[in-house]
Amino acid sequence: MTEPSPFAPTMGADDILADKSGYSLRVRVLNDQGLHARPAARLAQEAQKFACDVHLRHDEAEVDAKSILDILTMAAGHGSELELRAQGPGAVDALRHLGELFRNRFR
């Protein structure tokens, strides 16, 4: 039996990892045009609904997921593998919600 991929189309609580600095979830950019202005704005808007700190990591860069400008600086194209990180109240709920945005291509 093979281990499920963290980029599988279905996402459950088991995909969210906990460590000493909070929680993380690996996601993939499925949009053909990548994380351009519209999905970046939606991601920032949805992240702002949560009281916890939410960051987005791509390669060595880590940005505030509540800032559209920060997200756009990542220039994450189609197929990019990213890590969402959250810490504080509602962190797991935030990751579940934001992970769904990626899965549904921000629709």
PDB file of N, CA and C in Angstrom:
ATOM      1  N   MET A   1       0.848  -1.186   0.000  1.00  0.00           N
ATOM      2  CA  MET A   1       0.000   0.000   0.000  1.00  0.00           C
ATOM      3  C   MET A   1       0.884   1.237   0.000  1.00  0.00           C
ATOM      4  N   THR A   2       0.574   2.193  -0.861  1.00  0.00           N
ATOM      5  CA  THR A   2       1.365   3.423  -0.931  1.00  0.00           C
ATOM      6  C   THR A   2       0.779   4.485  -0.021  1.00  0.00           C
ATOM      7  N   GLU A   3       1.642   5.363   0.415  1.00  0.00           N
ATOM      8  CA  GLU A   3       1.212   6.462   1.278  1.00  0.00           C
ATOM      9  C   GLU A   3       0.524   7.530   0.427  1.00  0.00           C
ATOM     10  N   PRO A   4      -0.595   8.101   0.897  1.00  0.00           N
ATOM     11  CA  PRO A   4      -1.284   9.123   0.105  1.00  0.00           C
ATOM     12  C   PRO A   4      -0.417  10.359  -0.088  1.00  0.00           C
ATOM     13  N   SER A   5      -0.550  10.969  -1.247  1.00  0.00           N
ATOM     14  CA  SER A   5       0.196  12.180  -1.564  1.00  0.00           C
ATOM     15  C   SER A   5      -0.422  13.373  -0.851  1.00  0.00           C
ATOM     16  N   PRO A   6       0.413  14.326  -0.365  1.00  0.00           N
ATOM     17  CA  PRO A   6      -0.158  15.525   0.253  1.00  0.00           C
ATOM     18  C   PRO A   6      -0.846  16.420  -0.766  1.00  0.00           C
ATOM     19  N   PHE A   7      -0.727  16.078  -2.054  1.00  0.00           N
ATOM     20  CA  PHE A   7      -1.345  16.866  -3.102  1.00  0.00           C
ATOM     21  C   PHE A   7      -2.546  16.151  -3.692  1.00  0.00           C
ATOM     22  N   ALA A   8      -3.051  15.134  -2.997  1.00  0.00           N
ATOM     23  CA  ALA A   8      -4.187  14.368  -3.502  1.00  0.00           C
ATOM     24  C   ALA A   8      -5.402  15.271  -3.633  1.00  0.00           C
ATOM     25  N   PRO A   9      -6.323  14.941  -4.569  1.00  0.00           N
ATOM     26  CA  PRO A   9      -7.495  15.788  -4.766  1.00  0.00           C
ATOM     27  C   PRO A   9      -8.379  15.883  -3.530  1.00  0.00           C
ATOM     28  N   THR A  10      -8.375  14.875  -2.693  1.00  0.00           N
ATOM     29  CA  THR A  10      -9.180  14.953  -1.477  1.00  0.00           C
ATOM     30  C   THR A  10      -8.266  15.334  -0.326  1.00  0.00           C
ATOM     31  N   MET A  11      -8.790  16.118   0.572  1.00  0.00           N
ATOM     32  CA  MET A  11      -7.990  16.596   1.680  1.00  0.00           C
ATOM     33  C   MET A  11      -8.746  16.368   2.969  1.00  0.00           C
ATOM     34  N   GLY A  12      -8.071  15.801   3.937  1.00  0.00           N
ATOM     35  CA  GLY A  12      -8.687  15.588   5.227  1.00  0.00           C
ATOM     36  C   GLY A  12      -7.824  16.160   6.327  1.00  0.00           C
ATOM     37  N   ALA A  13      -8.267  15.978   7.541  1.00  0.00           N
ATOM     38  CA  ALA A  13      -7.523  16.496   8.684  1.00  0.00           C
ATOM     39  C   ALA A  13      -6.149  15.846   8.778  1.00  0.00           C
ATOM     40  N   ASP A  14      -5.998  14.624   8.247  1.00  0.00           N
ATOM     41  CA  ASP A  14      -4.717  13.929   8.310  1.00  0.00           C
ATOM     42  C   ASP A  14      -3.653  14.612   7.465  1.00  0.00           C
ATOM     43  N   ASP A  15      -4.055  15.425   6.498  1.00  0.00           N
ATOM     44  CA  ASP A  15      -3.106  16.120   5.634  1.00  0.00           C
ATOM     45  C   ASP A  15      -2.507  17.348   6.318  1.00  0.00           C
ATOM     46  N   ILE A  16      -3.144  17.805   7.375  1.00  0.00           N
ATOM     47  CA  ILE A  16      -2.646  18.955   8.127  1.00  0.00           C
ATOM     48  C   ILE A  16      -1.673  18.438   9.175  1.00  0.00           C
ATOM     49  N   LEU A  17      -0.453  18.951   9.113  1.00  0.00           N
ATOM     50  CA  LEU A  17       0.593  18.504  10.023  1.00  0.00           C
ATOM     51  C   LEU A  17       0.785  19.511  11.146  1.00  0.00           C
ATOM     52  N   ALA A  18       1.056  19.014  12.333  1.00  0.00           N
ATOM     53  CA  ALA A  18       1.310  19.877  13.487  1.00  0.00           C
ATOM     54  C   ALA A  18       2.789  19.814  13.842  1.00  0.00           C
ATOM     55  N   ASP A  19       3.347  20.950  14.229  1.00  0.00           N
ATOM     56  CA  ASP A  19       4.701  20.988  14.758  1.00  0.00           C
ATOM     57  C   ASP A  19       4.750  22.047  15.851  1.00  0.00           C
ATOM     58  N   LYS A  20       5.920  22.292  16.404  1.00  0.00           N
ATOM     59  CA  LYS A  20       6.027  23.216  17.541  1.00  0.00           C
ATOM     60  C   LYS A  20       5.671  24.654  17.193  1.00  0.00           C
ATOM     61  N   SER A  21       5.677  24.992  15.900  1.00  0.00           N
ATOM     62  CA  SER A  21       5.372  26.370  15.524  1.00  0.00           C
ATOM     63  C   SER A  21       3.982  26.528  14.913  1.00  0.00           C
ATOM     64  N   GLY A  22       3.138  25.515  14.994  1.00  0.00           N
ATOM     65  CA  GLY A  22       1.785  25.632  14.477  1.00  0.00           C
ATOM     66  C   GLY A  22       1.404  24.459  13.595  1.00  0.00           C
ATOM     67  N   TYR A  23       0.710  24.746  12.510  1.00  0.00           N
ATOM     68  CA  TYR A  23       0.196  23.717  11.612  1.00  0.00           C
ATOM     69  C   TYR A  23       0.582  24.064  10.177  1.00  0.00           C
ATOM     70  N   SER A  24       0.674  23.033   9.344  1.00  0.00           N
ATOM     71  CA  SER A  24       1.007  23.271   7.939  1.00  0.00           C
ATOM     72  C   SER A  24       0.207  22.342   7.034  1.00  0.00           C
ATOM     73  N   LEU A  25       0.038  22.784   5.805  1.00  0.00           N
ATOM     74  CA  LEU A  25      -0.676  22.018   4.787  1.00  0.00           C
ATOM     75  C   LEU A  25       0.000  22.294   3.453  1.00  0.00           C
ATOM     76  N   ARG A  26       0.363  21.235   2.743  1.00  0.00           N
ATOM     77  CA  ARG A  26       0.962  21.390   1.415  1.00  0.00           C
ATOM     78  C   ARG A  26      -0.149  21.424   0.378  1.00  0.00           C
ATOM     79  N   VAL A  27      -0.027  22.370  -0.539  1.00  0.00           N
ATOM     80  CA  VAL A  27      -1.029  22.546  -1.591  1.00  0.00           C
ATOM     81  C   VAL A  27      -0.305  22.717  -2.927  1.00  0.00           C
ATOM     82  N   ARG A  28      -1.066  22.583  -3.991  1.00  0.00           N
ATOM     83  CA  ARG A  28      -0.526  22.776  -5.340  1.00  0.00           C
ATOM     84  C   ARG A  28      -1.405  23.781  -6.073  1.00  0.00           C
ATOM     85  N   VAL A  29      -0.793  24.671  -6.832  1.00  0.00           N
ATOM     86  CA  VAL A  29      -1.525  25.653  -7.631  1.00  0.00           C
ATOM     87  C   VAL A  29      -2.050  24.933  -8.871  1.00  0.00           C
ATOM     88  N   LEU A  30      -3.368  24.803  -8.971  1.00  0.00           N
ATOM     89  CA  LEU A  30      -3.987  24.079 -10.077  1.00  0.00           C
ATOM     90  C   LEU A  30      -4.471  25.008 -11.188  1.00  0.00           C
ATOM     91  N   ASN A  31      -4.559  26.296 -10.920  1.00  0.00           N
ATOM     92  CA  ASN A  31      -5.019  27.262 -11.925  1.00  0.00           C
ATOM     93  C   ASN A  31      -4.040  27.290 -13.089  1.00  0.00           C
ATOM     94  N   ASP A  32      -4.561  27.336 -14.301  1.00  0.00           N
ATOM     95  CA  ASP A  32      -3.699  27.380 -15.482  1.00  0.00           C
ATOM     96  C   ASP A  32      -2.793  28.601 -15.482  1.00  0.00           C
ATOM     97  N   GLN A  33      -3.284  29.714 -14.978  1.00  0.00           N
ATOM     98  CA  GLN A  33      -2.505  30.954 -14.978  1.00  0.00           C
ATOM     99  C   GLN A  33      -1.741  31.177 -13.677  1.00  0.00           C
ATOM    100  N   GLY A  34      -1.738  30.194 -12.802  1.00  0.00           N
ATOM    101  CA  GLY A  34      -1.009  30.315 -11.549  1.00  0.00           C
ATOM    102  C   GLY A  34      -1.744  31.182 -10.538  1.00  0.00           C
ATOM    103  N   LEU A  35      -1.014  31.600  -9.544  1.00  0.00           N
ATOM    104  CA  LEU A  35      -1.588  32.398  -8.462  1.00  0.00           C
ATOM    105  C   LEU A  35      -1.519  33.873  -8.856  1.00  0.00           C
ATOM    106  N   HIS A  36      -2.286  34.249  -9.887  1.00  0.00           N
ATOM    107  CA  HIS A  36      -2.301  35.615 -10.396  1.00  0.00           C
ATOM    108  C   HIS A  36      -3.210  36.484  -9.525  1.00  0.00           C
ATOM    109  N   ALA A  37      -3.512  37.687  -9.963  1.00  0.00           N
ATOM    110  CA  ALA A  37      -4.189  38.691  -9.139  1.00  0.00           C
ATOM    111  C   ALA A  37      -5.512  38.221  -8.537  1.00  0.00           C
ATOM    112  N   ARG A  38      -6.382  37.639  -9.343  1.00  0.00           N
ATOM    113  CA  ARG A  38      -7.704  37.268  -8.824  1.00  0.00           C
ATOM    114  C   ARG A  38      -7.617  36.191  -7.729  1.00  0.00           C
ATOM    115  N   PRO A  39      -6.928  35.054  -7.966  1.00  0.00           N
ATOM    116  CA  PRO A  39      -6.844  34.076  -6.882  1.00  0.00           C
ATOM    117  C   PRO A  39      -6.025  34.570  -5.691  1.00  0.00           C
ATOM    118  N   ALA A  40      -5.032  35.402  -5.944  1.00  0.00           N
ATOM    119  CA  ALA A  40      -4.247  35.959  -4.835  1.00  0.00           C
ATOM    120  C   ALA A  40      -5.125  36.843  -3.956  1.00  0.00           C
ATOM    121  N   ALA A  41      -5.975  37.637  -4.581  1.00  0.00           N
ATOM    122  CA  ALA A  41      -6.890  38.492  -3.831  1.00  0.00           C
ATOM    123  C   ALA A  41      -7.877  37.643  -3.027  1.00  0.00           C
ATOM    124  N   ARG A  42      -8.380  36.584  -3.640  1.00  0.00           N
ATOM    125  CA  ARG A  42      -9.337  35.718  -2.942  1.00  0.00           C
ATOM    126  C   ARG A  42      -8.675  35.022  -1.772  1.00  0.00           C
ATOM    127  N   LEU A  43      -7.445  34.539  -1.965  1.00  0.00           N
ATOM    128  CA  LEU A  43      -6.715  33.880  -0.884  1.00  0.00           C
ATOM    129  C   LEU A  43      -6.504  34.846   0.278  1.00  0.00           C
ATOM    130  N   ALA A  44      -6.050  36.049  -0.002  1.00  0.00           N
ATOM    131  CA  ALA A  44      -5.815  37.043   1.050  1.00  0.00           C
ATOM    132  C   ALA A  44      -7.116  37.384   1.763  1.00  0.00           C
ATOM    133  N   GLN A  45      -8.179  37.578   0.991  1.00  0.00           N
ATOM    134  CA  GLN A  45      -9.486  37.931   1.572  1.00  0.00           C
ATOM    135  C   GLN A  45      -9.984  36.824   2.497  1.00  0.00           C
ATOM    136  N   GLU A  46      -9.872  35.584   2.061  1.00  0.00           N
ATOM    137  CA  GLU A  46     -10.341  34.459   2.883  1.00  0.00           C
ATOM    138  C   GLU A  46      -9.453  34.255   4.105  1.00  0.00           C
ATOM    139  N   ALA A  47      -8.150  34.433   3.955  1.00  0.00           N
ATOM    140  CA  ALA A  47      -7.228  34.276   5.087  1.00  0.00           C
ATOM    141  C   ALA A  47      -7.502  35.319   6.164  1.00  0.00           C
ATOM    142  N   GLN A  48      -7.916  36.521   5.739  1.00  0.00           N
ATOM    143  CA  GLN A  48      -8.204  37.595   6.687  1.00  0.00           C
ATOM    144  C   GLN A  48      -9.397  37.298   7.583  1.00  0.00           C
ATOM    145  N   LYS A  49     -10.204  36.335   7.230  1.00  0.00           N
ATOM    146  CA  LYS A  49     -11.379  35.971   8.024  1.00  0.00           C
ATOM    147  C   LYS A  49     -11.008  35.212   9.297  1.00  0.00           C
ATOM    148  N   PHE A  50      -9.753  34.787   9.399  1.00  0.00           N
ATOM    149  CA  PHE A  50      -9.325  33.989  10.542  1.00  0.00           C
ATOM    150  C   PHE A  50      -8.411  34.805  11.448  1.00  0.00           C
ATOM    151  N   ALA A  51      -8.545  34.587  12.753  1.00  0.00           N
ATOM    152  CA  ALA A  51      -7.752  35.338  13.734  1.00  0.00           C
ATOM    153  C   ALA A  51      -6.295  34.886  13.785  1.00  0.00           C
ATOM    154  N   CYS A  52      -6.021  33.696  13.318  1.00  0.00           N
ATOM    155  CA  CYS A  52      -4.663  33.157  13.386  1.00  0.00           C
ATOM    156  C   CYS A  52      -3.745  33.813  12.351  1.00  0.00           C
ATOM    157  N   ASP A  53      -2.446  33.644  12.549  1.00  0.00           N
ATOM    158  CA  ASP A  53      -1.464  34.077  11.560  1.00  0.00           C
ATOM    159  C   ASP A  53      -1.411  33.015  10.469  1.00  0.00           C
ATOM    160  N   VAL A  54      -1.422  33.444   9.208  1.00  0.00           N
ATOM    161  CA  VAL A  54      -1.354  32.509   8.089  1.00  0.00           C
ATOM    162  C   VAL A  54      -0.250  32.965   7.149  1.00  0.00           C
ATOM    163  N   HIS A  55       0.646  32.047   6.833  1.00  0.00           N
ATOM    164  CA  HIS A  55       1.749  32.341   5.920  1.00  0.00           C
ATOM    165  C   HIS A  55       1.753  31.339   4.773  1.00  0.00           C
ATOM    166  N   LEU A  56       2.345  31.750   3.694  1.00  0.00           N
ATOM    167  CA  LEU A  56       2.456  30.928   2.502  1.00  0.00           C
ATOM    168  C   LEU A  56       3.936  30.821   2.165  1.00  0.00           C
ATOM    169  N   ARG A  57       4.399  29.589   1.967  1.00  0.00           N
ATOM    170  CA  ARG A  57       5.819  29.362   1.682  1.00  0.00           C
ATOM    171  C   ARG A  57       5.962  28.723   0.306  1.00  0.00           C
ATOM    172  N   HIS A  58       6.916  29.251  -0.473  1.00  0.00           N
ATOM    173  CA  HIS A  58       7.253  28.702  -1.787  1.00  0.00           C
ATOM    174  C   HIS A  58       8.769  28.738  -1.893  1.00  0.00           C
ATOM    175  N   ASP A  59       9.378  27.567  -2.040  1.00  0.00           N
ATOM    176  CA  ASP A  59      10.835  27.443  -2.019  1.00  0.00           C
ATOM    177  C   ASP A  59      11.346  28.050  -0.715  1.00  0.00           C
ATOM    178  N   GLU A  60      12.188  29.046  -0.794  1.00  0.00           N
ATOM    179  CA  GLU A  60      12.751  29.667   0.418  1.00  0.00           C
ATOM    180  C   GLU A  60      11.964  30.888   0.871  1.00  0.00           C
ATOM    181  N   ALA A  61      11.022  31.346   0.059  1.00  0.00           N
ATOM    182  CA  ALA A  61      10.268  32.559   0.384  1.00  0.00           C
ATOM    183  C   ALA A  61       9.047  32.236   1.239  1.00  0.00           C
ATOM    184  N   GLU A  62       8.807  33.053   2.238  1.00  0.00           N
ATOM    185  CA  GLU A  62       7.609  32.916   3.068  1.00  0.00           C
ATOM    186  C   GLU A  62       6.970  34.294   3.182  1.00  0.00           C
ATOM    187  N   VAL A  63       5.651  34.344   2.907  1.00  0.00           N
ATOM    188  CA  VAL A  63       4.944  35.623   2.927  1.00  0.00           C
ATOM    189  C   VAL A  63       3.677  35.520   3.754  1.00  0.00           C
ATOM    190  N   ASP A  64       3.134  36.673   4.100  1.00  0.00           N
ATOM    191  CA  ASP A  64       1.875  36.767   4.824  1.00  0.00           C
ATOM    192  C   ASP A  64       0.739  36.454   3.850  1.00  0.00           C
ATOM    193  N   ALA A  65      -0.021  35.412   4.137  1.00  0.00           N
ATOM    194  CA  ALA A  65      -1.116  35.002   3.248  1.00  0.00           C
ATOM    195  C   ALA A  65      -2.312  35.943   3.334  1.00  0.00           C
ATOM    196  N   LYS A  66      -2.258  36.929   4.207  1.00  0.00           N
ATOM    197  CA  LYS A  66      -3.343  37.906   4.314  1.00  0.00           C
ATOM    198  C   LYS A  66      -3.054  39.158   3.488  1.00  0.00           C
ATOM    199  N   SER A  67      -1.928  39.139   2.772  1.00  0.00           N
ATOM    200  CA  SER A  67      -1.518  40.289   1.968  1.00  0.00           C
ATOM    201  C   SER A  67      -1.452  39.911   0.494  1.00  0.00           C
ATOM    202  N   ILE A  68      -2.311  40.513  -0.312  1.00  0.00           N
ATOM    203  CA  ILE A  68      -2.317  40.215  -1.748  1.00  0.00           C
ATOM    204  C   ILE A  68      -0.969  40.552  -2.386  1.00  0.00           C
ATOM    205  N   LEU A  69      -0.365  41.665  -1.988  1.00  0.00           N
ATOM    206  CA  LEU A  69       0.924  42.048  -2.574  1.00  0.00           C
ATOM    207  C   LEU A  69       2.005  41.032  -2.238  1.00  0.00           C
ATOM    208  N   ASP A  70       2.018  40.550  -1.003  1.00  0.00           N
ATOM    209  CA  ASP A  70       2.993  39.534  -0.614  1.00  0.00           C
ATOM    210  C   ASP A  70       2.802  38.266  -1.434  1.00  0.00           C
ATOM    211  N   ILE A  71       1.552  37.848  -1.613  1.00  0.00           N
ATOM    212  CA  ILE A  71       1.264  36.627  -2.373  1.00  0.00           C
ATOM    213  C   ILE A  71       1.726  36.787  -3.821  1.00  0.00           C
ATOM    214  N   LEU A  72       1.447  37.935  -4.416  1.00  0.00           N
ATOM    215  CA  LEU A  72       1.838  38.164  -5.810  1.00  0.00           C
ATOM    216  C   LEU A  72       3.353  38.151  -6.007  1.00  0.00           C
ATOM    217  N   THR A  73       4.111  38.570  -4.999  1.00  0.00           N
ATOM    218  CA  THR A  73       5.572  38.577  -5.133  1.00  0.00           C
ATOM    219  C   THR A  73       6.137  37.168  -5.271  1.00  0.00           C
ATOM    220  N   MET A  74       5.377  36.166  -4.879  1.00  0.00           N
ATOM    221  CA  MET A  74       5.853  34.781  -4.978  1.00  0.00           C
ATOM    222  C   MET A  74       5.883  34.301  -6.426  1.00  0.00           C
ATOM    223  N   ALA A  75       5.041  34.882  -7.267  1.00  0.00           N
ATOM    224  CA  ALA A  75       4.947  34.482  -8.679  1.00  0.00           C
ATOM    225  C   ALA A  75       4.815  32.970  -8.815  1.00  0.00           C
ATOM    226  N   ALA A  76       3.895  32.386  -8.048  1.00  0.00           N
ATOM    227  CA  ALA A  76       3.688  30.935  -8.068  1.00  0.00           C
ATOM    228  C   ALA A  76       2.872  30.549  -9.296  1.00  0.00           C
ATOM    229  N   GLY A  77       3.508  29.848 -10.215  1.00  0.00           N
ATOM    230  CA  GLY A  77       2.850  29.440 -11.438  1.00  0.00           C
ATOM    231  C   GLY A  77       2.083  28.139 -11.303  1.00  0.00           C
ATOM    232  N   HIS A  78       1.437  27.756 -12.384  1.00  0.00           N
ATOM    233  CA  HIS A  78       0.678  26.499 -12.433  1.00  0.00           C
ATOM    234  C   HIS A  78       1.584  25.337 -12.017  1.00  0.00           C
ATOM    235  N   GLY A  79       1.080  24.511 -11.130  1.00  0.00           N
ATOM    236  CA  GLY A  79       1.821  23.338 -10.670  1.00  0.00           C
ATOM    237  C   GLY A  79       2.763  23.595  -9.512  1.00  0.00           C
ATOM    238  N   SER A  80       2.917  24.843  -9.100  1.00  0.00           N
ATOM    239  CA  SER A  80       3.806  25.155  -7.977  1.00  0.00           C
ATOM    240  C   SER A  80       3.319  24.467  -6.709  1.00  0.00           C
ATOM    241  N   GLU A  81       4.254  23.930  -5.974  1.00  0.00           N
ATOM    242  CA  GLU A  81       3.949  23.307  -4.690  1.00  0.00           C
ATOM    243  C   GLU A  81       4.233  24.325  -3.595  1.00  0.00           C
ATOM    244  N   LEU A  82       3.225  24.599  -2.783  1.00  0.00           N
ATOM    245  CA  LEU A  82       3.314  25.605  -1.733  1.00  0.00           C
ATOM    246  C   LEU A  82       2.991  24.971  -0.389  1.00  0.00           C
ATOM    247  N   GLU A  83       3.368  25.665   0.658  1.00  0.00           N
ATOM    248  CA  GLU A  83       3.016  25.226   2.008  1.00  0.00           C
ATOM    249  C   GLU A  83       2.279  26.363   2.699  1.00  0.00           C
ATOM    250  N   LEU A  84       1.077  26.071   3.158  1.00  0.00           N
ATOM    251  CA  LEU A  84       0.330  27.006   3.987  1.00  0.00           C
ATOM    252  C   LEU A  84       0.697  26.715   5.433  1.00  0.00           C
ATOM    253  N   ARG A  85       1.003  27.746   6.203  1.00  0.00           N
ATOM    254  CA  ARG A  85       1.334  27.581   7.624  1.00  0.00           C
ATOM    255  C   ARG A  85       0.413  28.480   8.436  1.00  0.00           C
ATOM    256  N   ALA A  86      -0.101  27.964   9.537  1.00  0.00           N
ATOM    257  CA  ALA A  86      -0.988  28.761  10.389  1.00  0.00           C
ATOM    258  C   ALA A  86      -0.650  28.508  11.852  1.00  0.00           C
ATOM    259  N   GLN A  87      -0.791  29.564  12.634  1.00  0.00           N
ATOM    260  CA  GLN A  87      -0.507  29.490  14.066  1.00  0.00           C
ATOM    261  C   GLN A  87      -1.492  30.379  14.797  1.00  0.00           C
ATOM    262  N   GLY A  88      -2.080  29.845  15.863  1.00  0.00           N
ATOM    263  CA  GLY A  88      -2.996  30.623  16.673  1.00  0.00           C
ATOM    264  C   GLY A  88      -4.408  30.058  16.628  1.00  0.00           C
ATOM    265  N   PRO A  89      -5.368  30.820  17.179  1.00  0.00           N
ATOM    266  CA  PRO A  89      -6.749  30.353  17.248  1.00  0.00           C
ATOM    267  C   PRO A  89      -7.346  30.129  15.861  1.00  0.00           C
ATOM    268  N   GLY A  90      -7.930  28.954  15.673  1.00  0.00           N
ATOM    269  CA  GLY A  90      -8.584  28.631  14.407  1.00  0.00           C
ATOM    270  C   GLY A  90      -7.636  28.228  13.298  1.00  0.00           C
ATOM    271  N   ALA A  91      -6.387  27.879  13.630  1.00  0.00           N
ATOM    272  CA  ALA A  91      -5.383  27.564  12.615  1.00  0.00           C
ATOM    273  C   ALA A  91      -5.785  26.371  11.747  1.00  0.00           C
ATOM    274  N   VAL A  92      -6.271  25.320  12.354  1.00  0.00           N
ATOM    275  CA  VAL A  92      -6.652  24.124  11.584  1.00  0.00           C
ATOM    276  C   VAL A  92      -7.825  24.438  10.667  1.00  0.00           C
ATOM    277  N   ASP A  93      -8.815  25.161  11.178  1.00  0.00           N
ATOM    278  CA  ASP A  93      -9.964  25.548  10.349  1.00  0.00           C
ATOM    279  C   ASP A  93      -9.517  26.419   9.174  1.00  0.00           C
ATOM    280  N   ALA A  94      -8.593  27.317   9.430  1.00  0.00           N
ATOM    281  CA  ALA A  94      -8.089  28.184   8.363  1.00  0.00           C
ATOM    282  C   ALA A  94      -7.419  27.356   7.274  1.00  0.00           C
ATOM    283  N   LEU A  95      -6.590  26.398   7.660  1.00  0.00           N
ATOM    284  CA  LEU A  95      -5.903  25.573   6.669  1.00  0.00           C
ATOM    285  C   LEU A  95      -6.884  24.715   5.876  1.00  0.00           C
ATOM    286  N   ARG A  96      -7.873  24.178   6.548  1.00  0.00           N
ATOM    287  CA  ARG A  96      -8.891  23.398   5.827  1.00  0.00           C
ATOM    288  C   ARG A  96      -9.590  24.265   4.782  1.00  0.00           C
ATOM    289  N   HIS A  97     -10.001  25.455   5.191  1.00  0.00           N
ATOM    290  CA  HIS A  97     -10.733  26.359   4.304  1.00  0.00           C
ATOM    291  C   HIS A  97      -9.862  26.817   3.131  1.00  0.00           C
ATOM    292  N   LEU A  98      -8.652  27.240   3.419  1.00  0.00           N
ATOM    293  CA  LEU A  98      -7.770  27.736   2.373  1.00  0.00           C
ATOM    294  C   LEU A  98      -7.316  26.604   1.450  1.00  0.00           C
ATOM    295  N   GLY A  99      -7.140  25.425   2.007  1.00  0.00           N
ATOM    296  CA  GLY A  99      -6.800  24.269   1.184  1.00  0.00           C
ATOM    297  C   GLY A  99      -7.890  23.953   0.178  1.00  0.00           C
ATOM    298  N   GLU A 100      -9.139  24.128   0.592  1.00  0.00           N
ATOM    299  CA  GLU A 100     -10.268  23.913  -0.322  1.00  0.00           C
ATOM    300  C   GLU A 100     -10.232  24.909  -1.477  1.00  0.00           C
ATOM    301  N   LEU A 101      -9.828  26.143  -1.207  1.00  0.00           N
ATOM    302  CA  LEU A 101      -9.714  27.133  -2.279  1.00  0.00           C
ATOM    303  C   LEU A 101      -8.748  26.644  -3.355  1.00  0.00           C
ATOM    304  N   PHE A 102      -7.601  26.142  -2.933  1.00  0.00           N
ATOM    305  CA  PHE A 102      -6.629  25.624  -3.893  1.00  0.00           C
ATOM    306  C   PHE A 102      -7.200  24.433  -4.654  1.00  0.00           C
ATOM    307  N   ARG A 103      -7.825  23.517  -3.936  1.00  0.00           N
ATOM    308  CA  ARG A 103      -8.401  22.327  -4.575  1.00  0.00           C
ATOM    309  C   ARG A 103      -9.454  22.683  -5.611  1.00  0.00           C
ATOM    310  N   ASN A 104     -10.241  23.705  -5.313  1.00  0.00           N
ATOM    311  CA  ASN A 104     -11.339  24.109  -6.211  1.00  0.00           C
ATOM    312  C   ASN A 104     -10.918  25.189  -7.208  1.00  0.00           C
ATOM    313  N   ARG A 105      -9.623  25.433  -7.310  1.00  0.00           N
ATOM    314  CA  ARG A 105      -9.068  26.416  -8.248  1.00  0.00           C
ATOM    315  C   ARG A 105      -9.639  27.812  -8.035  1.00  0.00           C
ATOM    316  N   PHE A 106      -9.906  28.132  -6.770  1.00  0.00           N
ATOM    317  CA  PHE A 106     -10.380  29.464  -6.361  1.00  0.00           C
ATOM    318  C   PHE A 106     -11.729  29.834  -6.951  1.00  0.00           C
ATOM    319  N   ARG A 107     -12.537  28.858  -7.245  1.00  0.00           N
ATOM    320  CA  ARG A 107     -13.898  29.111  -7.753  1.00  0.00           C
ATOM    321  C   ARG A 107     -14.858  29.207  -6.614  1.00  0.00           C
TER     322      ARG A 107
END
